[in-house]
Amino acid sequence: MQIVNLLPLIPLLSTALAAPAANTLSVSVDVFQDKVCNLPSVRGYSFTENNVCRQFIEREGSVTATSINGPVKQGCVLQVFESTNCENVLAAITIDGSCQAPLLAPASSGKLVGC
């Protein structure tokens, strides 16, 4: 009797189990006082959510962004901003560990977009 009652649930269970796990986003961002990634200000800002603004401690001149969980999906970038509340975008930083500089002006905040 119990098996008969569970039969309608099998398609639901198989769909739930077949769905891929959510891709955990984890990007480490290093920011630098100078415009050539030589004078580190803060290493290891952690960005783990898409479209969430994070304020930097100081105004920064260059940035590196590295994915902790392997390659990021196409179009996923770190945007850096002149203001502390993610306004006036300065650059879209590729998340590949390379130095992104010089910025148009010192950056005060950043957020992941398209991730």
PDB file of N, CA and C in Angstrom:
ATOM      1  N   MET A   1       0.824  -1.194   0.000  1.00  0.00           N
ATOM      2  CA  MET A   1       0.000   0.000   0.000  1.00  0.00           C
ATOM      3  C   MET A   1       0.863   1.251   0.000  1.00  0.00           C
ATOM      4  N   GLN A   2       1.922   1.236   0.768  1.00  0.00           N
ATOM      5  CA  GLN A   2       2.779   2.413   0.839  1.00  0.00           C
ATOM      6  C   GLN A   2       3.466   2.687  -0.487  1.00  0.00           C
ATOM      7  N   ILE A   3       3.880   1.664  -1.216  1.00  0.00           N
ATOM      8  CA  ILE A   3       4.537   1.845  -2.500  1.00  0.00           C
ATOM      9  C   ILE A   3       3.585   2.503  -3.490  1.00  0.00           C
ATOM     10  N   VAL A   4       2.365   2.115  -3.494  1.00  0.00           N
ATOM     11  CA  VAL A   4       1.372   2.691  -4.390  1.00  0.00           C
ATOM     12  C   VAL A   4       1.209   4.179  -4.103  1.00  0.00           C
ATOM     13  N   ASN A   5       1.210   4.574  -2.842  1.00  0.00           N
ATOM     14  CA  ASN A   5       1.053   5.976  -2.481  1.00  0.00           C
ATOM     15  C   ASN A   5       2.261   6.816  -2.879  1.00  0.00           C
ATOM     16  N   LEU A   6       3.440   6.245  -2.959  1.00  0.00           N
ATOM     17  CA  LEU A   6       4.650   6.985  -3.315  1.00  0.00           C
ATOM     18  C   LEU A   6       4.874   7.100  -4.812  1.00  0.00           C
ATOM     19  N   LEU A   7       4.207   6.277  -5.609  1.00  0.00           N
ATOM     20  CA  LEU A   7       4.414   6.292  -7.056  1.00  0.00           C
ATOM     21  C   LEU A   7       4.221   7.677  -7.690  1.00  0.00           C
ATOM     22  N   PRO A   8       3.224   8.444  -7.335  1.00  0.00           N
ATOM     23  CA  PRO A   8       3.074   9.770  -7.951  1.00  0.00           C
ATOM     24  C   PRO A   8       4.229  10.727  -7.621  1.00  0.00           C
ATOM     25  N   LEU A   9       4.967  10.456  -6.566  1.00  0.00           N
ATOM     26  CA  LEU A   9       6.068  11.339  -6.180  1.00  0.00           C
ATOM     27  C   LEU A   9       7.367  11.060  -6.923  1.00  0.00           C
ATOM     28  N   ILE A  10       7.495   9.926  -7.564  1.00  0.00           N
ATOM     29  CA  ILE A  10       8.747   9.553  -8.226  1.00  0.00           C
ATOM     30  C   ILE A  10       9.174  10.580  -9.273  1.00  0.00           C
ATOM     31  N   PRO A  11       8.300  11.079 -10.152  1.00  0.00           N
ATOM     32  CA  PRO A  11       8.760  12.097 -11.115  1.00  0.00           C
ATOM     33  C   PRO A  11       9.267  13.364 -10.429  1.00  0.00           C
ATOM     34  N   LEU A  12       8.643  13.773  -9.356  1.00  0.00           N
ATOM     35  CA  LEU A  12       9.086  14.960  -8.628  1.00  0.00           C
ATOM     36  C   LEU A  12      10.452  14.746  -7.999  1.00  0.00           C
ATOM     37  N   LEU A  13      10.646  13.580  -7.398  1.00  0.00           N
ATOM     38  CA  LEU A  13      11.927  13.279  -6.766  1.00  0.00           C
ATOM     39  C   LEU A  13      13.046  13.189  -7.791  1.00  0.00           C
ATOM     40  N   SER A  14      12.791  12.565  -8.926  1.00  0.00           N
ATOM     41  CA  SER A  14      13.842  12.435  -9.933  1.00  0.00           C
ATOM     42  C   SER A  14      14.203  13.788 -10.517  1.00  0.00           C
ATOM     43  N   THR A  15      13.241  14.687 -10.686  1.00  0.00           N
ATOM     44  CA  THR A  15      13.528  16.034 -11.176  1.00  0.00           C
ATOM     45  C   THR A  15      14.361  16.804 -10.168  1.00  0.00           C
ATOM     46  N   ALA A  16      14.018  16.708  -8.898  1.00  0.00           N
ATOM     47  CA  ALA A  16      14.754  17.422  -7.860  1.00  0.00           C
ATOM     48  C   ALA A  16      16.182  16.909  -7.748  1.00  0.00           C
ATOM     49  N   LEU A  17      16.354  15.602  -7.850  1.00  0.00           N
ATOM     50  CA  LEU A  17      17.688  15.034  -7.735  1.00  0.00           C
ATOM     51  C   LEU A  17      18.532  15.304  -8.971  1.00  0.00           C
ATOM     52  N   ALA A  18      17.919  15.442 -10.128  1.00  0.00           N
ATOM     53  CA  ALA A  18      18.659  15.674 -11.364  1.00  0.00           C
ATOM     54  C   ALA A  18      19.065  17.132 -11.521  1.00  0.00           C
ATOM     55  N   ALA A  19      18.415  18.046 -10.812  1.00  0.00           N
ATOM     56  CA  ALA A  19      18.753  19.470 -10.930  1.00  0.00           C
ATOM     57  C   ALA A  19      20.159  19.714 -10.417  1.00  0.00           C
ATOM     58  N   PRO A  20      20.959  20.474 -11.142  1.00  0.00           N
ATOM     59  CA  PRO A  20      22.319  20.738 -10.686  1.00  0.00           C
ATOM     60  C   PRO A  20      22.322  21.575  -9.417  1.00  0.00           C
ATOM     61  N   ALA A  21      23.320  21.356  -8.613  1.00  0.00           N
ATOM     62  CA  ALA A  21      23.471  22.137  -7.387  1.00  0.00           C
ATOM     63  C   ALA A  21      23.781  23.583  -7.750  1.00  0.00           C
ATOM     64  N   ALA A  22      23.372  24.500  -6.927  1.00  0.00           N
ATOM     65  CA  ALA A  22      23.646  25.913  -7.167  1.00  0.00           C
ATOM     66  C   ALA A  22      25.153  26.150  -7.198  1.00  0.00           C
ATOM     67  N   ASN A  23      25.594  26.907  -8.185  1.00  0.00           N
ATOM     68  CA  ASN A  23      27.011  27.213  -8.313  1.00  0.00           C
ATOM     69  C   ASN A  23      27.388  28.244  -7.252  1.00  0.00           C
ATOM     70  N   THR A  24      28.242  27.859  -6.330  1.00  0.00           N
ATOM     71  CA  THR A  24      28.660  28.762  -5.279  1.00  0.00           C
ATOM     72  C   THR A  24      29.658  29.744  -5.858  1.00  0.00           C
ATOM     73  N   LEU A  25      29.365  30.999  -5.720  1.00  0.00           N
ATOM     74  CA  LEU A  25      30.192  32.062  -6.261  1.00  0.00           C
ATOM     75  C   LEU A  25      31.156  32.537  -5.188  1.00  0.00           C
ATOM     76  N   SER A  26      32.428  32.566  -5.488  1.00  0.00           N
ATOM     77  CA  SER A  26      33.419  33.062  -4.544  1.00  0.00           C
ATOM     78  C   SER A  26      34.568  33.703  -5.312  1.00  0.00           C
ATOM     79  N   VAL A  27      34.655  35.021  -5.206  1.00  0.00           N
ATOM     80  CA  VAL A  27      35.683  35.778  -5.902  1.00  0.00           C
ATOM     81  C   VAL A  27      36.513  36.529  -4.868  1.00  0.00           C
ATOM     82  N   SER A  28      37.817  36.384  -4.965  1.00  0.00           N
ATOM     83  CA  SER A  28      38.747  37.091  -4.090  1.00  0.00           C
ATOM     84  C   SER A  28      39.271  38.312  -4.846  1.00  0.00           C
ATOM     85  N   VAL A  29      39.168  39.466  -4.214  1.00  0.00           N
ATOM     86  CA  VAL A  29      39.573  40.721  -4.847  1.00  0.00           C
ATOM     87  C   VAL A  29      40.679  41.364  -4.018  1.00  0.00           C
ATOM     88  N   ASP A  30      41.776  41.693  -4.689  1.00  0.00           N
ATOM     89  CA  ASP A  30      42.863  42.451  -4.072  1.00  0.00           C
ATOM     90  C   ASP A  30      42.819  43.860  -4.643  1.00  0.00           C
ATOM     91  N   VAL A  31      42.948  44.854  -3.775  1.00  0.00           N
ATOM     92  CA  VAL A  31      42.942  46.243  -4.224  1.00  0.00           C
ATOM     93  C   VAL A  31      44.272  46.893  -3.853  1.00  0.00           C
ATOM     94  N   PHE A  32      44.692  47.832  -4.683  1.00  0.00           N
ATOM     95  CA  PHE A  32      46.016  48.431  -4.559  1.00  0.00           C
ATOM     96  C   PHE A  32      45.921  49.951  -4.577  1.00  0.00           C
ATOM     97  N   GLN A  33      46.798  50.579  -3.793  1.00  0.00           N
ATOM     98  CA  GLN A  33      46.821  52.039  -3.711  1.00  0.00           C
ATOM     99  C   GLN A  33      47.308  52.667  -5.007  1.00  0.00           C
ATOM    100  N   ASP A  34      48.270  52.017  -5.659  1.00  0.00           N
ATOM    101  CA  ASP A  34      48.852  52.586  -6.873  1.00  0.00           C
ATOM    102  C   ASP A  34      48.076  52.137  -8.112  1.00  0.00           C
ATOM    103  N   LYS A  35      48.533  52.537  -9.289  1.00  0.00           N
ATOM    104  CA  LYS A  35      47.842  52.229 -10.538  1.00  0.00           C
ATOM    105  C   LYS A  35      48.446  51.040 -11.274  1.00  0.00           C
ATOM    106  N   VAL A  36      49.365  50.294 -10.641  1.00  0.00           N
ATOM    107  CA  VAL A  36      50.003  49.158 -11.314  1.00  0.00           C
ATOM    108  C   VAL A  36      50.045  47.894 -10.446  1.00  0.00           C
ATOM    109  N   CYS A  37      49.192  47.782  -9.471  1.00  0.00           N
ATOM    110  CA  CYS A  37      49.071  46.583  -8.620  1.00  0.00           C
ATOM    111  C   CYS A  37      50.354  46.242  -7.863  1.00  0.00           C
ATOM    112  N   ASN A  38      51.038  47.267  -7.352  1.00  0.00           N
ATOM    113  CA  ASN A  38      52.263  47.024  -6.593  1.00  0.00           C
ATOM    114  C   ASN A  38      52.143  47.307  -5.103  1.00  0.00           C
ATOM    115  N   LEU A  39      51.331  48.258  -4.717  1.00  0.00           N
ATOM    116  CA  LEU A  39      51.201  48.632  -3.307  1.00  0.00           C
ATOM    117  C   LEU A  39      49.862  48.137  -2.769  1.00  0.00           C
ATOM    118  N   PRO A  40      49.837  46.893  -2.224  1.00  0.00           N
ATOM    119  CA  PRO A  40      48.553  46.353  -1.776  1.00  0.00           C
ATOM    120  C   PRO A  40      47.956  47.150  -0.623  1.00  0.00           C
ATOM    121  N   SER A  41      46.677  47.406  -0.746  1.00  0.00           N
ATOM    122  CA  SER A  41      45.938  48.065   0.312  1.00  0.00           C
ATOM    123  C   SER A  41      45.222  46.990   1.136  1.00  0.00           C
ATOM    124  N   VAL A  42      44.428  46.177   0.453  1.00  0.00           N
ATOM    125  CA  VAL A  42      43.732  45.063   1.104  1.00  0.00           C
ATOM    126  C   VAL A  42      43.771  43.868   0.157  1.00  0.00           C
ATOM    127  N   ARG A  43      44.111  42.723   0.699  1.00  0.00           N
ATOM    128  CA  ARG A  43      44.086  41.485  -0.084  1.00  0.00           C
ATOM    129  C   ARG A  43      42.945  40.608   0.419  1.00  0.00           C
ATOM    130  N   GLY A  44      42.242  40.016  -0.517  1.00  0.00           N
ATOM    131  CA  GLY A  44      41.243  39.019  -0.155  1.00  0.00           C
ATOM    132  C   GLY A  44      39.866  39.529   0.210  1.00  0.00           C
ATOM    133  N   TYR A  45      39.443  40.681  -0.352  1.00  0.00           N
ATOM    134  CA  TYR A  45      38.027  41.018  -0.206  1.00  0.00           C
ATOM    135  C   TYR A  45      37.249  39.846  -0.779  1.00  0.00           C
ATOM    136  N   SER A  46      36.248  39.370  -0.088  1.00  0.00           N
ATOM    137  CA  SER A  46      35.470  38.230  -0.558  1.00  0.00           C
ATOM    138  C   SER A  46      34.134  38.712  -1.123  1.00  0.00           C
ATOM    139  N   PHE A  47      33.929  38.400  -2.394  1.00  0.00           N
ATOM    140  CA  PHE A  47      32.659  38.689  -3.044  1.00  0.00           C
ATOM    141  C   PHE A  47      31.986  37.355  -3.324  1.00  0.00           C
ATOM    142  N   THR A  48      30.806  37.126  -2.748  1.00  0.00           N
ATOM    143  CA  THR A  48      30.131  35.837  -2.884  1.00  0.00           C
ATOM    144  C   THR A  48      28.706  35.954  -3.412  1.00  0.00           C
ATOM    145  N   GLU A  49      28.236  37.170  -3.635  1.00  0.00           N
ATOM    146  CA  GLU A  49      26.872  37.349  -4.115  1.00  0.00           C
ATOM    147  C   GLU A  49      26.858  38.285  -5.308  1.00  0.00           C
ATOM    148  N   ASN A  50      26.019  37.959  -6.266  1.00  0.00           N
ATOM    149  CA  ASN A  50      25.839  38.784  -7.445  1.00  0.00           C
ATOM    150  C   ASN A  50      25.071  40.052  -7.083  1.00  0.00           C
ATOM    151  N   ASN A  51      25.523  41.174  -7.606  1.00  0.00           N
ATOM    152  CA  ASN A  51      24.813  42.453  -7.498  1.00  0.00           C
ATOM    153  C   ASN A  51      24.704  42.994  -6.074  1.00  0.00           C
ATOM    154  N   VAL A  52      25.689  42.695  -5.230  1.00  0.00           N
ATOM    155  CA  VAL A  52      25.723  43.228  -3.864  1.00  0.00           C
ATOM    156  C   VAL A  52      26.931  44.161  -3.749  1.00  0.00           C
ATOM    157  N   CYS A  53      26.680  45.413  -3.395  1.00  0.00           N
ATOM    158  CA  CYS A  53      27.728  46.429  -3.314  1.00  0.00           C
ATOM    159  C   CYS A  53      28.576  46.250  -2.054  1.00  0.00           C
ATOM    160  N   ARG A  54      29.904  46.331  -2.238  1.00  0.00           N
ATOM    161  CA  ARG A  54      30.841  46.287  -1.104  1.00  0.00           C
ATOM    162  C   ARG A  54      31.718  47.520  -1.167  1.00  0.00           C
ATOM    163  N   GLN A  55      31.846  48.201  -0.056  1.00  0.00           N
ATOM    164  CA  GLN A  55      32.679  49.402   0.034  1.00  0.00           C
ATOM    165  C   GLN A  55      34.113  49.011   0.350  1.00  0.00           C
ATOM    166  N   PHE A  56      35.074  49.650  -0.328  1.00  0.00           N
ATOM    167  CA  PHE A  56      36.477  49.447  -0.013  1.00  0.00           C
ATOM    168  C   PHE A  56      36.864  50.358   1.143  1.00  0.00           C
ATOM    169  N   ILE A  57      37.892  49.976   1.890  1.00  0.00           N
ATOM    170  CA  ILE A  57      38.328  50.757   3.047  1.00  0.00           C
ATOM    171  C   ILE A  57      38.902  52.098   2.603  1.00  0.00           C
ATOM    172  N   GLU A  58      39.694  52.077   1.535  1.00  0.00           N
ATOM    173  CA  GLU A  58      40.278  53.301   0.993  1.00  0.00           C
ATOM    174  C   GLU A  58      39.936  53.401  -0.480  1.00  0.00           C
ATOM    175  N   ARG A  59      40.238  54.538  -1.083  1.00  0.00           N
ATOM    176  CA  ARG A  59      40.077  54.691  -2.530  1.00  0.00           C
ATOM    177  C   ARG A  59      41.254  53.998  -3.201  1.00  0.00           C
ATOM    178  N   GLU A  60      40.980  53.139  -4.154  1.00  0.00           N
ATOM    179  CA  GLU A  60      41.992  52.269  -4.725  1.00  0.00           C
ATOM    180  C   GLU A  60      42.296  52.596  -6.181  1.00  0.00           C
ATOM    181  N   GLY A  61      43.560  52.373  -6.574  1.00  0.00           N
ATOM    182  CA  GLY A  61      43.999  52.714  -7.918  1.00  0.00           C
ATOM    183  C   GLY A  61      44.037  51.567  -8.901  1.00  0.00           C
ATOM    184  N   SER A  62      44.092  50.326  -8.414  1.00  0.00           N
ATOM    185  CA  SER A  62      44.110  49.161  -9.301  1.00  0.00           C
ATOM    186  C   SER A  62      43.538  47.951  -8.563  1.00  0.00           C
ATOM    187  N   VAL A  63      43.171  46.920  -9.343  1.00  0.00           N
ATOM    188  CA  VAL A  63      42.413  45.799  -8.791  1.00  0.00           C
ATOM    189  C   VAL A  63      42.808  44.497  -9.489  1.00  0.00           C
ATOM    190  N   THR A  64      42.822  43.408  -8.730  1.00  0.00           N
ATOM    191  CA  THR A  64      42.846  42.065  -9.315  1.00  0.00           C
ATOM    192  C   THR A  64      41.666  41.294  -8.743  1.00  0.00           C
ATOM    193  N   ALA A  65      41.045  40.454  -9.563  1.00  0.00           N
ATOM    194  CA  ALA A  65      39.915  39.624  -9.122  1.00  0.00           C
ATOM    195  C   ALA A  65      40.162  38.198  -9.586  1.00  0.00           C
ATOM    196  N   THR A  66      40.040  37.256  -8.648  1.00  0.00           N
ATOM    197  CA  THR A  66      40.322  35.853  -8.932  1.00  0.00           C
ATOM    198  C   THR A  66      39.176  34.984  -8.425  1.00  0.00           C
ATOM    199  N   SER A  67      38.697  34.088  -9.262  1.00  0.00           N
ATOM    200  CA  SER A  67      37.660  33.157  -8.851  1.00  0.00           C
ATOM    201  C   SER A  67      38.275  32.064  -7.992  1.00  0.00           C
ATOM    202  N   ILE A  68      37.659  31.778  -6.859  1.00  0.00           N
ATOM    203  CA  ILE A  68      38.122  30.733  -5.954  1.00  0.00           C
ATOM    204  C   ILE A  68      37.590  29.372  -6.400  1.00  0.00           C
ATOM    205  N   ASN A  69      36.438  29.355  -7.076  1.00  0.00           N
ATOM    206  CA  ASN A  69      35.770  28.100  -7.442  1.00  0.00           C
ATOM    207  C   ASN A  69      35.915  27.741  -8.910  1.00  0.00           C
ATOM    208  N   GLY A  70      37.004  28.107  -9.549  1.00  0.00           N
ATOM    209  CA  GLY A  70      37.183  27.787 -10.961  1.00  0.00           C
ATOM    210  C   GLY A  70      36.625  28.878 -11.853  1.00  0.00           C
ATOM    211  N   PRO A  71      36.507  28.594 -13.142  1.00  0.00           N
ATOM    212  CA  PRO A  71      36.081  29.621 -14.100  1.00  0.00           C
ATOM    213  C   PRO A  71      34.689  30.166 -13.784  1.00  0.00           C
ATOM    214  N   VAL A  72      34.509  31.439 -14.016  1.00  0.00           N
ATOM    215  CA  VAL A  72      33.200  32.062 -13.843  1.00  0.00           C
ATOM    216  C   VAL A  72      32.476  32.026 -15.181  1.00  0.00           C
ATOM    217  N   LYS A  73      31.162  32.154 -15.138  1.00  0.00           N
ATOM    218  CA  LYS A  73      30.402  32.103 -16.382  1.00  0.00           C
ATOM    219  C   LYS A  73      30.678  33.352 -17.215  1.00  0.00           C
ATOM    220  N   GLN A  74      30.515  33.223 -18.501  1.00  0.00           N
ATOM    221  CA  GLN A  74      30.761  34.323 -19.412  1.00  0.00           C
ATOM    222  C   GLN A  74      29.867  35.504 -19.057  1.00  0.00           C
ATOM    223  N   GLY A  75      30.435  36.688 -19.026  1.00  0.00           N
ATOM    224  CA  GLY A  75      29.695  37.894 -18.684  1.00  0.00           C
ATOM    225  C   GLY A  75      29.778  38.268 -17.217  1.00  0.00           C
ATOM    226  N   CYS A  76      30.334  37.402 -16.389  1.00  0.00           N
ATOM    227  CA  CYS A  76      30.488  37.689 -14.963  1.00  0.00           C
ATOM    228  C   CYS A  76      31.735  38.550 -14.773  1.00  0.00           C
ATOM    229  N   VAL A  77      31.556  39.748 -14.227  1.00  0.00           N
ATOM    230  CA  VAL A  77      32.667  40.674 -14.000  1.00  0.00           C
ATOM    231  C   VAL A  77      32.506  41.352 -12.646  1.00  0.00           C
ATOM    232  N   LEU A  78      33.587  41.946 -12.188  1.00  0.00           N
ATOM    233  CA  LEU A  78      33.549  42.803 -11.005  1.00  0.00           C
ATOM    234  C   LEU A  78      33.520  44.236 -11.504  1.00  0.00           C
ATOM    235  N   GLN A  79      32.464  44.945 -11.204  1.00  0.00           N
ATOM    236  CA  GLN A  79      32.422  46.363 -11.536  1.00  0.00           C
ATOM    237  C   GLN A  79      32.964  47.141 -10.348  1.00  0.00           C
ATOM    238  N   VAL A  80      33.794  48.146 -10.621  1.00  0.00           N
ATOM    239  CA  VAL A  80      34.287  49.022  -9.562  1.00  0.00           C
ATOM    240  C   VAL A  80      33.755  50.430  -9.826  1.00  0.00           C
ATOM    241  N   PHE A  81      33.541  51.152  -8.722  1.00  0.00           N
ATOM    242  CA  PHE A  81      32.833  52.420  -8.786  1.00  0.00           C
ATOM    243  C   PHE A  81      33.593  53.525  -8.064  1.00  0.00           C
ATOM    244  N   GLU A  82      33.339  54.741  -8.492  1.00  0.00           N
ATOM    245  CA  GLU A  82      33.971  55.907  -7.877  1.00  0.00           C
ATOM    246  C   GLU A  82      33.365  56.205  -6.508  1.00  0.00           C
ATOM    247  N   SER A  83      32.064  55.999  -6.356  1.00  0.00           N
ATOM    248  CA  SER A  83      31.390  56.302  -5.091  1.00  0.00           C
ATOM    249  C   SER A  83      31.412  55.088  -4.163  1.00  0.00           C
ATOM    250  N   THR A  84      31.102  55.317  -2.903  1.00  0.00           N
ATOM    251  CA  THR A  84      31.079  54.232  -1.922  1.00  0.00           C
ATOM    252  C   THR A  84      29.804  53.401  -2.001  1.00  0.00           C
ATOM    253  N   ASN A  85      28.800  53.857  -2.750  1.00  0.00           N
ATOM    254  CA  ASN A  85      27.530  53.128  -2.850  1.00  0.00           C
ATOM    255  C   ASN A  85      27.281  52.591  -4.261  1.00  0.00           C
ATOM    256  N   CYS A  86      28.379  52.243  -4.953  1.00  0.00           N
ATOM    257  CA  CYS A  86      28.314  51.620  -6.281  1.00  0.00           C
ATOM    258  C   CYS A  86      27.591  52.479  -7.317  1.00  0.00           C
ATOM    259  N   GLU A  87      27.977  53.739  -7.380  1.00  0.00           N
ATOM    260  CA  GLU A  87      27.521  54.647  -8.436  1.00  0.00           C
ATOM    261  C   GLU A  87      28.736  55.157  -9.181  1.00  0.00           C
ATOM    262  N   ASN A  88      28.548  55.540 -10.437  1.00  0.00           N
ATOM    263  CA  ASN A  88      29.616  56.043 -11.308  1.00  0.00           C
ATOM    264  C   ASN A  88      30.650  54.952 -11.590  1.00  0.00           C
ATOM    265  N   VAL A  89      30.255  53.991 -12.417  1.00  0.00           N
ATOM    266  CA  VAL A  89      31.119  52.857 -12.732  1.00  0.00           C
ATOM    267  C   VAL A  89      32.410  53.332 -13.402  1.00  0.00           C
ATOM    268  N   LEU A  90      33.527  52.779 -12.922  1.00  0.00           N
ATOM    269  CA  LEU A  90      34.847  53.108 -13.476  1.00  0.00           C
ATOM    270  C   LEU A  90      35.349  52.052 -14.448  1.00  0.00           C
ATOM    271  N   ALA A  91      35.068  50.773 -14.135  1.00  0.00           N
ATOM    272  CA  ALA A  91      35.581  49.693 -14.966  1.00  0.00           C
ATOM    273  C   ALA A  91      34.851  48.393 -14.671  1.00  0.00           C
ATOM    274  N   ALA A  92      34.882  47.503 -15.656  1.00  0.00           N
ATOM    275  CA  ALA A  92      34.431  46.126 -15.482  1.00  0.00           C
ATOM    276  C   ALA A  92      35.687  45.268 -15.445  1.00  0.00           C
ATOM    277  N   ILE A  93      35.955  44.670 -14.305  1.00  0.00           N
ATOM    278  CA  ILE A  93      37.186  43.926 -14.072  1.00  0.00           C
ATOM    279  C   ILE A  93      36.984  42.450 -14.439  1.00  0.00           C
ATOM    280  N   THR A  94      37.810  41.942 -15.322  1.00  0.00           N
ATOM    281  CA  THR A  94      37.780  40.531 -15.684  1.00  0.00           C
ATOM    282  C   THR A  94      38.251  39.699 -14.491  1.00  0.00           C
ATOM    283  N   ILE A  95      37.543  38.618 -14.206  1.00  0.00           N
ATOM    284  CA  ILE A  95      37.861  37.795 -13.035  1.00  0.00           C
ATOM    285  C   ILE A  95      38.828  36.697 -13.468  1.00  0.00           C
ATOM    286  N   ASP A  96      40.082  37.093 -13.672  1.00  0.00           N
ATOM    287  CA  ASP A  96      41.097  36.143 -14.139  1.00  0.00           C
ATOM    288  C   ASP A  96      42.443  36.308 -13.430  1.00  0.00           C
ATOM    289  N   GLY A  97      42.478  37.106 -12.374  1.00  0.00           N
ATOM    290  CA  GLY A  97      43.703  37.273 -11.597  1.00  0.00           C
ATOM    291  C   GLY A  97      44.682  38.269 -12.157  1.00  0.00           C
ATOM    292  N   SER A  98      44.360  38.878 -13.297  1.00  0.00           N
ATOM    293  CA  SER A  98      45.298  39.841 -13.882  1.00  0.00           C
ATOM    294  C   SER A  98      45.076  41.230 -13.291  1.00  0.00           C
ATOM    295  N   CYS A  99      46.122  42.048 -13.356  1.00  0.00           N
ATOM    296  CA  CYS A  99      46.049  43.417 -12.850  1.00  0.00           C
ATOM    297  C   CYS A  99      45.210  44.258 -13.799  1.00  0.00           C
ATOM    298  N   GLN A 100      44.193  44.891 -13.261  1.00  0.00           N
ATOM    299  CA  GLN A 100      43.319  45.756 -14.043  1.00  0.00           C
ATOM    300  C   GLN A 100      43.618  47.206 -13.663  1.00  0.00           C
ATOM    301  N   ALA A 101      44.351  47.867 -14.509  1.00  0.00           N
ATOM    302  CA  ALA A 101      44.784  49.221 -14.204  1.00  0.00           C
ATOM    303  C   ALA A 101      45.209  49.912 -15.484  1.00  0.00           C
ATOM    304  N   PRO A 102      45.319  51.210 -15.514  1.00  0.00           N
ATOM    305  CA  PRO A 102      44.844  52.125 -14.465  1.00  0.00           C
ATOM    306  C   PRO A 102      43.340  52.331 -14.575  1.00  0.00           C
ATOM    307  N   LEU A 103      42.717  52.609 -13.463  1.00  0.00           N
ATOM    308  CA  LEU A 103      41.298  52.936 -13.441  1.00  0.00           C
ATOM    309  C   LEU A 103      41.137  54.403 -13.815  1.00  0.00           C
ATOM    310  N   LEU A 104      39.964  54.799 -14.254  1.00  0.00           N
ATOM    311  CA  LEU A 104      39.715  56.188 -14.640  1.00  0.00           C
ATOM    312  C   LEU A 104      39.864  57.139 -13.450  1.00  0.00           C
ATOM    313  N   ALA A 105      39.567  56.645 -12.271  1.00  0.00           N
ATOM    314  CA  ALA A 105      39.677  57.404 -11.014  1.00  0.00           C
ATOM    315  C   ALA A 105      39.795  56.367  -9.907  1.00  0.00           C
ATOM    316  N   PRO A 106      40.181  56.759  -8.704  1.00  0.00           N
ATOM    317  CA  PRO A 106      40.240  55.780  -7.619  1.00  0.00           C
ATOM    318  C   PRO A 106      38.873  55.146  -7.333  1.00  0.00           C
ATOM    319  N   ALA A 107      38.883  53.854  -7.087  1.00  0.00           N
ATOM    320  CA  ALA A 107      37.652  53.107  -6.826  1.00  0.00           C
ATOM    321  C   ALA A 107      37.357  53.074  -5.331  1.00  0.00           C
ATOM    322  N   SER A 108      36.062  53.244  -4.991  1.00  0.00           N
ATOM    323  CA  SER A 108      35.629  53.230  -3.589  1.00  0.00           C
ATOM    324  C   SER A 108      34.722  52.055  -3.253  1.00  0.00           C
ATOM    325  N   SER A 109      34.214  51.351  -4.279  1.00  0.00           N
ATOM    326  CA  SER A 109      33.327  50.217  -4.023  1.00  0.00           C
ATOM    327  C   SER A 109      33.316  49.307  -5.240  1.00  0.00           C
ATOM    328  N   GLY A 110      32.709  48.125  -5.056  1.00  0.00           N
ATOM    329  CA  GLY A 110      32.626  47.177  -6.156  1.00  0.00           C
ATOM    330  C   GLY A 110      31.491  46.206  -5.944  1.00  0.00           C
ATOM    331  N   LYS A 111      31.092  45.542  -7.040  1.00  0.00           N
ATOM    332  CA  LYS A 111      30.080  44.486  -6.960  1.00  0.00           C
ATOM    333  C   LYS A 111      30.213  43.568  -8.169  1.00  0.00           C
ATOM    334  N   LEU A 112      29.846  42.309  -7.969  1.00  0.00           N
ATOM    335  CA  LEU A 112      29.819  41.344  -9.053  1.00  0.00           C
ATOM    336  C   LEU A 112      28.535  41.549  -9.844  1.00  0.00           C
ATOM    337  N   VAL A 113      28.628  41.494 -11.166  1.00  0.00           N
ATOM    338  CA  VAL A 113      27.450  41.578 -12.019  1.00  0.00           C
ATOM    339  C   VAL A 113      27.526  40.495 -13.085  1.00  0.00           C
ATOM    340  N   GLY A 114      26.384  40.006 -13.494  1.00  0.00           N
ATOM    341  CA  GLY A 114      26.322  38.991 -14.537  1.00  0.00           C
ATOM    342  C   GLY A 114      26.780  37.631 -14.099  1.00  0.00           C
ATOM    343  N   CYS A 115      26.816  37.379 -12.810  1.00  0.00           N
ATOM    344  CA  CYS A 115      27.350  36.110 -12.300  1.00  0.00           C
ATOM    345  C   CYS A 115      26.255  35.158 -11.871  1.00  0.00           C
TER     346      CYS A 115
END
